[in-house]
Structure formats: structure tokens, C-alpha cells
Amino acid sequence: MSIMYRRQLTSGTSSNISFKSRLSKIKLIPDFSKYKLISQPPGGVIGDVNEAYKPPKPDYFEGSYHWDYERLTAISLLPLTLFPFYCAFSSTTAMYPLLDTTLSTFLLIHVNFGLKSCIIDYIPKRKFGVWHTAAIRLLQLGSILALYGIYDLETNNNGIIDLLSQLWKDPETNLYIFGKSH
């Protein structure tokens, strides 16, 4: 009986020792090495002339598809921006809220694609690593907040076209722009 008790005691102390050794390996100083820039080879060339080309996997949200989507939104913005001007100059045609929402949303998508292209070009993942991902996530967050702003503008006010037309009208006493009365 005493032999079993001693084995249990020694096994308990060894687990305490391993716990203490694991506890001593915990560092309270954060590791910032993942935030450093990734070093590039001299000349920026990776690989050899004789290596076989490995094409990337097709991604329907990146690459040439991204360019196609950007062009599609640019072409669709042409009639969406011309129609409000037509409505402004002809007194018989009213601006429809659905067209105003579509114009605002397509403009947001077009700006998002353009800024994402700038991030891809000027903050490449192969060099900046974590910072590239942070910039993309920040752009996505800003786009979501802007989409909420479009929703708020369309539901609580008359939309972006009406907001822009009110900026060019004569000042009214009850018109509030940026929180100040005129």
C-alpha cells in the first residue's frame, strides 16, 4: 500500500514539474515579428528560368474576373448617372427611389473595386503580408459602413440625388447640412 501511495505522490509531483516548466515558457511580451515586412530576394525575381510555370487556381473574385466586374460596374454607371440629369432638366419626370438606390450601390461597388485594385497594386501580399490583409479588411469594413449609410440616406431622406440637389438650391431656414443650421 505504501508503494502505491509513493507512486501516486511522485506522479503528482512530476505533473506539477511539467506544469511549472510549461508555465515558465509563457511569455508576456507579445511577438511582433509577424508585423514586419517580408524580405524580398535581390532583383525581386523568385524562381529560376528553367522552372515550370505553375498557374494559379482560378478565383472568380480576383484576377481578370475582378477587372471584368470593375468594367461592368463602370459601364452600368453611365445610364444610372445620366438619368438623374435628365430628371433634373425635364420637369415631368420624377426621380425614382429604386434608381437612386441602384446608383448609390453601384457607385459604392465601383469605388470598392477601384480601391481594392490600388491595395493589390501598392500593398502587395508577397511583401507586406499582414498589412495587405489588414488593408483589405479595413476596406471591407468601410464598404459595409457606407452601405449602411446608403440605407439610412434612402430610408430617412430622399436619397443621394435629392441631397445633392438640395446643396445647389437656395439656402432654406430649416435645411441642416453637417449638423449646423443656415
C-alpha atoms as a PDB file:
ATOM      1  CA  MET A   1       0.000   0.000   0.000  1.00  0.00           C
ATOM      2  CA  SER A   2       2.765   2.435   0.816  1.00  0.00           C
ATOM      3  CA  ILE A   3       4.438   1.687  -2.539  1.00  0.00           C
ATOM      4  CA  MET A   4       1.283   2.674  -4.420  1.00  0.00           C
ATOM      5  CA  TYR A   5       0.996   5.832  -2.341  1.00  0.00           C
ATOM      6  CA  ARG A   6       4.593   6.799  -3.163  1.00  0.00           C
ATOM      7  CA  ARG A   7       3.993   6.213  -6.879  1.00  0.00           C
ATOM      8  CA  GLN A   8       0.966   8.472  -6.786  1.00  0.00           C
ATOM      9  CA  LEU A   9       2.956  11.121  -4.963  1.00  0.00           C
ATOM     10  CA  THR A  10       5.813  11.012  -7.424  1.00  0.00           C
ATOM     11  CA  SER A  11       3.482  11.006 -10.415  1.00  0.00           C
ATOM     12  CA  GLY A  12       1.683  14.030  -8.995  1.00  0.00           C
ATOM     13  CA  THR A  13       4.909  15.962  -8.480  1.00  0.00           C
ATOM     14  CA  SER A  14       6.122  15.175 -11.979  1.00  0.00           C
ATOM     15  CA  SER A  15       2.936  16.631 -13.424  1.00  0.00           C
ATOM     16  CA  ASN A  16       3.487  19.709 -11.244  1.00  0.00           C
ATOM     17  CA  ILE A  17       7.031  19.991 -12.560  1.00  0.00           C
ATOM     18  CA  SER A  18       5.870  19.730 -16.159  1.00  0.00           C
ATOM     19  CA  PHE A  19       3.190  22.332 -15.431  1.00  0.00           C
ATOM     20  CA  LYS A  20       5.834  24.632 -13.944  1.00  0.00           C
ATOM     21  CA  SER A  21       8.090  24.130 -16.952  1.00  0.00           C
ATOM     22  CA  ARG A  22       5.198  24.929 -19.285  1.00  0.00           C
ATOM     23  CA  LEU A  23       4.338  27.955 -17.180  1.00  0.00           C
ATOM     24  CA  SER A  24       7.908  29.242 -17.386  1.00  0.00           C
ATOM     25  CA  LYS A  25       7.733  29.110 -21.207  1.00  0.00           C
ATOM     26  CA  ILE A  26       4.787  31.516 -21.329  1.00  0.00           C
ATOM     27  CA  LYS A  27       5.964  34.996 -22.259  1.00  0.00           C
ATOM     28  CA  LEU A  28       4.005  38.118 -21.532  1.00  0.00           C
ATOM     29  CA  ILE A  29       5.875  40.079 -24.198  1.00  0.00           C
ATOM     30  CA  PRO A  30       3.965  39.995 -27.498  1.00  0.00           C
ATOM     31  CA  ASP A  31       5.659  38.727 -30.650  1.00  0.00           C
ATOM     32  CA  PHE A  32       5.624  41.468 -33.284  1.00  0.00           C
ATOM     33  CA  SER A  33       7.625  39.527 -35.857  1.00  0.00           C
ATOM     34  CA  LYS A  34       4.543  38.787 -37.963  1.00  0.00           C
ATOM     35  CA  TYR A  35       4.055  42.539 -38.491  1.00  0.00           C
ATOM     36  CA  LYS A  36       7.453  43.001 -40.120  1.00  0.00           C
ATOM     37  CA  LEU A  37       7.807  43.319 -43.870  1.00  0.00           C
ATOM     38  CA  ILE A  38       8.681  40.138 -45.730  1.00  0.00           C
ATOM     39  CA  SER A  39      12.205  40.305 -47.153  1.00  0.00           C
ATOM     40  CA  GLN A  40      12.397  40.009 -50.933  1.00  0.00           C
ATOM     41  CA  PRO A  41      15.148  38.324 -52.966  1.00  0.00           C
ATOM     42  CA  PRO A  42      17.573  40.629 -54.812  1.00  0.00           C
ATOM     43  CA  GLY A  43      16.004  41.896 -58.001  1.00  0.00           C
ATOM     44  CA  GLY A  44      12.580  40.688 -56.909  1.00  0.00           C
ATOM     45  CA  VAL A  45      12.811  37.537 -59.028  1.00  0.00           C
ATOM     46  CA  ILE A  46      11.555  34.359 -57.401  1.00  0.00           C
ATOM     47  CA  GLY A  47      12.423  31.048 -59.001  1.00  0.00           C
ATOM     48  CA  ASP A  48      14.622  30.020 -61.898  1.00  0.00           C
ATOM     49  CA  VAL A  49      14.356  30.321 -65.656  1.00  0.00           C
ATOM     50  CA  ASN A  50      14.086  26.572 -66.046  1.00  0.00           C
ATOM     51  CA  GLU A  51      11.288  26.072 -63.527  1.00  0.00           C
ATOM     52  CA  ALA A  52       7.920  25.041 -64.894  1.00  0.00           C
ATOM     53  CA  TYR A  53       5.162  27.610 -64.736  1.00  0.00           C
ATOM     54  CA  LYS A  54       2.581  26.889 -62.071  1.00  0.00           C
ATOM     55  CA  PRO A  55      -0.635  28.706 -62.965  1.00  0.00           C
ATOM     56  CA  PRO A  56      -2.697  29.939 -60.031  1.00  0.00           C
ATOM     57  CA  LYS A  57      -6.036  28.371 -59.275  1.00  0.00           C
ATOM     58  CA  PRO A  58      -8.900  30.227 -60.948  1.00  0.00           C
ATOM     59  CA  ASP A  59     -10.611  32.512 -58.475  1.00  0.00           C
ATOM     60  CA  TYR A  60     -13.870  34.095 -59.586  1.00  0.00           C
ATOM     61  CA  PHE A  61     -13.429  37.074 -57.254  1.00  0.00           C
ATOM     62  CA  GLU A  62      -9.827  38.004 -58.112  1.00  0.00           C
ATOM     63  CA  GLY A  63      -7.536  38.412 -61.105  1.00  0.00           C
ATOM     64  CA  SER A  64      -9.003  39.085 -64.533  1.00  0.00           C
ATOM     65  CA  TYR A  65     -12.507  38.442 -63.220  1.00  0.00           C
ATOM     66  CA  HIS A  66     -12.031  41.368 -60.828  1.00  0.00           C
ATOM     67  CA  TRP A  67     -11.168  43.580 -63.796  1.00  0.00           C
ATOM     68  CA  ASP A  68     -14.263  42.380 -65.681  1.00  0.00           C
ATOM     69  CA  TYR A  69     -16.503  43.169 -62.703  1.00  0.00           C
ATOM     70  CA  GLU A  70     -14.952  46.616 -62.407  1.00  0.00           C
ATOM     71  CA  ARG A  71     -15.607  47.342 -66.098  1.00  0.00           C
ATOM     72  CA  LEU A  72     -19.175  46.037 -65.789  1.00  0.00           C
ATOM     73  CA  THR A  73     -19.931  48.409 -62.923  1.00  0.00           C
ATOM     74  CA  ALA A  74     -18.304  51.311 -64.812  1.00  0.00           C
ATOM     75  CA  ILE A  75     -20.466  50.676 -67.880  1.00  0.00           C
ATOM     76  CA  SER A  76     -23.614  50.299 -65.793  1.00  0.00           C
ATOM     77  CA  LEU A  77     -22.912  53.618 -64.054  1.00  0.00           C
ATOM     78  CA  LEU A  78     -23.225  55.531 -67.343  1.00  0.00           C
ATOM     79  CA  PRO A  79     -27.021  55.274 -67.754  1.00  0.00           C
ATOM     80  CA  LEU A  80     -27.530  55.417 -63.997  1.00  0.00           C
ATOM     81  CA  THR A  81     -25.781  58.804 -63.795  1.00  0.00           C
ATOM     82  CA  LEU A  82     -27.360  60.249 -66.941  1.00  0.00           C
ATOM     83  CA  PHE A  83     -30.936  59.558 -65.841  1.00  0.00           C
ATOM     84  CA  PRO A  84     -30.865  61.931 -62.805  1.00  0.00           C
ATOM     85  CA  PHE A  85     -29.614  64.741 -65.068  1.00  0.00           C
ATOM     86  CA  TYR A  86     -32.488  64.037 -67.438  1.00  0.00           C
ATOM     87  CA  CYS A  87     -34.887  64.111 -64.490  1.00  0.00           C
ATOM     88  CA  ALA A  88     -33.442  67.418 -63.290  1.00  0.00           C
ATOM     89  CA  PHE A  89     -33.850  69.174 -66.651  1.00  0.00           C
ATOM     90  CA  SER A  90     -37.292  67.804 -67.515  1.00  0.00           C
ATOM     91  CA  SER A  91     -39.986  68.877 -65.122  1.00  0.00           C
ATOM     92  CA  THR A  92     -42.317  65.986 -65.942  1.00  0.00           C
ATOM     93  CA  THR A  93     -40.056  63.105 -64.912  1.00  0.00           C
ATOM     94  CA  ALA A  94     -39.616  62.245 -61.235  1.00  0.00           C
ATOM     95  CA  MET A  95     -36.586  60.510 -59.788  1.00  0.00           C
ATOM     96  CA  TYR A  96     -37.431  57.009 -58.639  1.00  0.00           C
ATOM     97  CA  PRO A  97     -36.085  55.801 -55.275  1.00  0.00           C
ATOM     98  CA  LEU A  98     -35.118  52.415 -56.692  1.00  0.00           C
ATOM     99  CA  LEU A  99     -32.933  54.040 -59.358  1.00  0.00           C
ATOM    100  CA  ASP A 100     -31.381  56.291 -56.723  1.00  0.00           C
ATOM    101  CA  THR A 101     -30.573  53.273 -54.548  1.00  0.00           C
ATOM    102  CA  THR A 102     -29.154  51.391 -57.536  1.00  0.00           C
ATOM    103  CA  LEU A 103     -26.966  54.360 -58.483  1.00  0.00           C
ATOM    104  CA  SER A 104     -25.656  54.707 -54.920  1.00  0.00           C
ATOM    105  CA  THR A 105     -24.969  50.984 -54.583  1.00  0.00           C
ATOM    106  CA  PHE A 106     -23.243  50.639 -57.947  1.00  0.00           C
ATOM    107  CA  LEU A 107     -21.141  53.714 -57.194  1.00  0.00           C
ATOM    108  CA  LEU A 108     -20.099  52.139 -53.885  1.00  0.00           C
ATOM    109  CA  ILE A 109     -19.246  48.837 -55.607  1.00  0.00           C
ATOM    110  CA  HIS A 110     -17.224  50.663 -58.279  1.00  0.00           C
ATOM    111  CA  VAL A 111     -15.272  52.629 -55.669  1.00  0.00           C
ATOM    112  CA  ASN A 112     -14.697  49.429 -53.668  1.00  0.00           C
ATOM    113  CA  PHE A 113     -13.273  47.647 -56.729  1.00  0.00           C
ATOM    114  CA  GLY A 114     -11.049  50.625 -57.545  1.00  0.00           C
ATOM    115  CA  LEU A 115      -9.649  50.916 -54.029  1.00  0.00           C
ATOM    116  CA  LYS A 116      -9.115  47.152 -53.852  1.00  0.00           C
ATOM    117  CA  SER A 117      -7.090  47.364 -57.072  1.00  0.00           C
ATOM    118  CA  CYS A 118      -4.976  50.112 -55.501  1.00  0.00           C
ATOM    119  CA  ILE A 119      -4.390  47.975 -52.407  1.00  0.00           C
ATOM    120  CA  ILE A 120      -3.415  44.970 -54.535  1.00  0.00           C
ATOM    121  CA  ASP A 121      -1.022  47.093 -56.619  1.00  0.00           C
ATOM    122  CA  TYR A 122       0.616  49.205 -53.916  1.00  0.00           C
ATOM    123  CA  ILE A 123       0.407  46.944 -50.843  1.00  0.00           C
ATOM    124  CA  PRO A 124       1.224  43.504 -52.329  1.00  0.00           C
ATOM    125  CA  LYS A 125       0.730  40.455 -50.131  1.00  0.00           C
ATOM    126  CA  ARG A 126       4.122  38.954 -51.026  1.00  0.00           C
ATOM    127  CA  LYS A 127       5.880  41.970 -49.499  1.00  0.00           C
ATOM    128  CA  PHE A 128       3.555  43.352 -46.833  1.00  0.00           C
ATOM    129  CA  GLY A 129       1.834  40.150 -45.648  1.00  0.00           C
ATOM    130  CA  VAL A 130      -0.379  41.005 -42.681  1.00  0.00           C
ATOM    131  CA  TRP A 131      -0.681  44.665 -43.666  1.00  0.00           C
ATOM    132  CA  HIS A 132      -2.195  43.712 -47.042  1.00  0.00           C
ATOM    133  CA  THR A 133      -4.850  41.648 -45.282  1.00  0.00           C
ATOM    134  CA  ALA A 134      -5.483  44.457 -42.785  1.00  0.00           C
ATOM    135  CA  ALA A 135      -5.952  46.980 -45.604  1.00  0.00           C
ATOM    136  CA  ILE A 136      -8.404  44.691 -47.417  1.00  0.00           C
ATOM    137  CA  ARG A 137     -10.376  44.091 -44.199  1.00  0.00           C
ATOM    138  CA  LEU A 138     -10.441  47.824 -43.458  1.00  0.00           C
ATOM    139  CA  LEU A 139     -11.790  48.456 -46.962  1.00  0.00           C
ATOM    140  CA  GLN A 140     -14.480  45.822 -46.424  1.00  0.00           C
ATOM    141  CA  LEU A 141     -15.456  47.401 -43.106  1.00  0.00           C
ATOM    142  CA  GLY A 142     -15.650  50.836 -44.713  1.00  0.00           C
ATOM    143  CA  SER A 143     -17.782  49.458 -47.540  1.00  0.00           C
ATOM    144  CA  ILE A 144     -20.201  47.863 -45.087  1.00  0.00           C
ATOM    145  CA  LEU A 145     -20.484  51.142 -43.165  1.00  0.00           C
ATOM    146  CA  ALA A 146     -21.036  53.024 -46.432  1.00  0.00           C
ATOM    147  CA  LEU A 147     -23.740  50.537 -47.417  1.00  0.00           C
ATOM    148  CA  TYR A 148     -25.457  51.237 -44.109  1.00  0.00           C
ATOM    149  CA  GLY A 149     -25.101  54.959 -44.863  1.00  0.00           C
ATOM    150  CA  ILE A 150     -26.805  54.434 -48.229  1.00  0.00           C
ATOM    151  CA  TYR A 151     -29.608  52.546 -46.490  1.00  0.00           C
ATOM    152  CA  ASP A 152     -30.007  55.325 -43.934  1.00  0.00           C
ATOM    153  CA  LEU A 153     -29.930  58.017 -46.615  1.00  0.00           C
ATOM    154  CA  GLU A 154     -32.533  56.231 -48.726  1.00  0.00           C
ATOM    155  CA  THR A 155     -34.936  55.422 -45.884  1.00  0.00           C
ATOM    156  CA  ASN A 156     -34.731  58.577 -43.755  1.00  0.00           C
ATOM    157  CA  ASN A 157     -34.161  61.117 -46.547  1.00  0.00           C
ATOM    158  CA  ASN A 158     -34.988  61.228 -50.240  1.00  0.00           C
ATOM    159  CA  GLY A 159     -31.714  59.692 -51.405  1.00  0.00           C
ATOM    160  CA  ILE A 160     -28.368  60.900 -52.658  1.00  0.00           C
ATOM    161  CA  ILE A 161     -29.702  62.718 -55.730  1.00  0.00           C
ATOM    162  CA  ASP A 162     -32.075  64.770 -53.596  1.00  0.00           C
ATOM    163  CA  LEU A 163     -29.240  65.510 -51.158  1.00  0.00           C
ATOM    164  CA  LEU A 164     -27.035  66.764 -53.992  1.00  0.00           C
ATOM    165  CA  SER A 165     -29.854  68.833 -55.478  1.00  0.00           C
ATOM    166  CA  GLN A 166     -30.525  70.453 -52.083  1.00  0.00           C
ATOM    167  CA  LEU A 167     -26.895  71.544 -51.885  1.00  0.00           C
ATOM    168  CA  TRP A 168     -27.347  73.680 -55.030  1.00  0.00           C
ATOM    169  CA  LYS A 169     -30.690  75.220 -54.066  1.00  0.00           C
ATOM    170  CA  ASP A 170     -31.124  78.498 -52.257  1.00  0.00           C
ATOM    171  CA  PRO A 171     -30.480  78.178 -48.539  1.00  0.00           C
ATOM    172  CA  GLU A 172     -33.573  77.493 -46.508  1.00  0.00           C
ATOM    173  CA  THR A 173     -34.042  78.177 -42.842  1.00  0.00           C
ATOM    174  CA  ASN A 174     -34.888  74.566 -41.981  1.00  0.00           C
ATOM    175  CA  LEU A 175     -32.129  72.889 -44.013  1.00  0.00           C
ATOM    176  CA  TYR A 176     -29.452  71.231 -41.880  1.00  0.00           C
ATOM    177  CA  ILE A 177     -26.148  70.284 -43.501  1.00  0.00           C
ATOM    178  CA  PHE A 178     -23.458  68.669 -41.354  1.00  0.00           C
ATOM    179  CA  GLY A 179     -25.276  69.494 -38.131  1.00  0.00           C
ATOM    180  CA  LYS A 180     -25.374  73.301 -38.485  1.00  0.00           C
ATOM    181  CA  SER A 181     -28.356  75.423 -39.375  1.00  0.00           C
ATOM    182  CA  HIS A 182     -28.020  78.112 -42.011  1.00  0.00           C
END
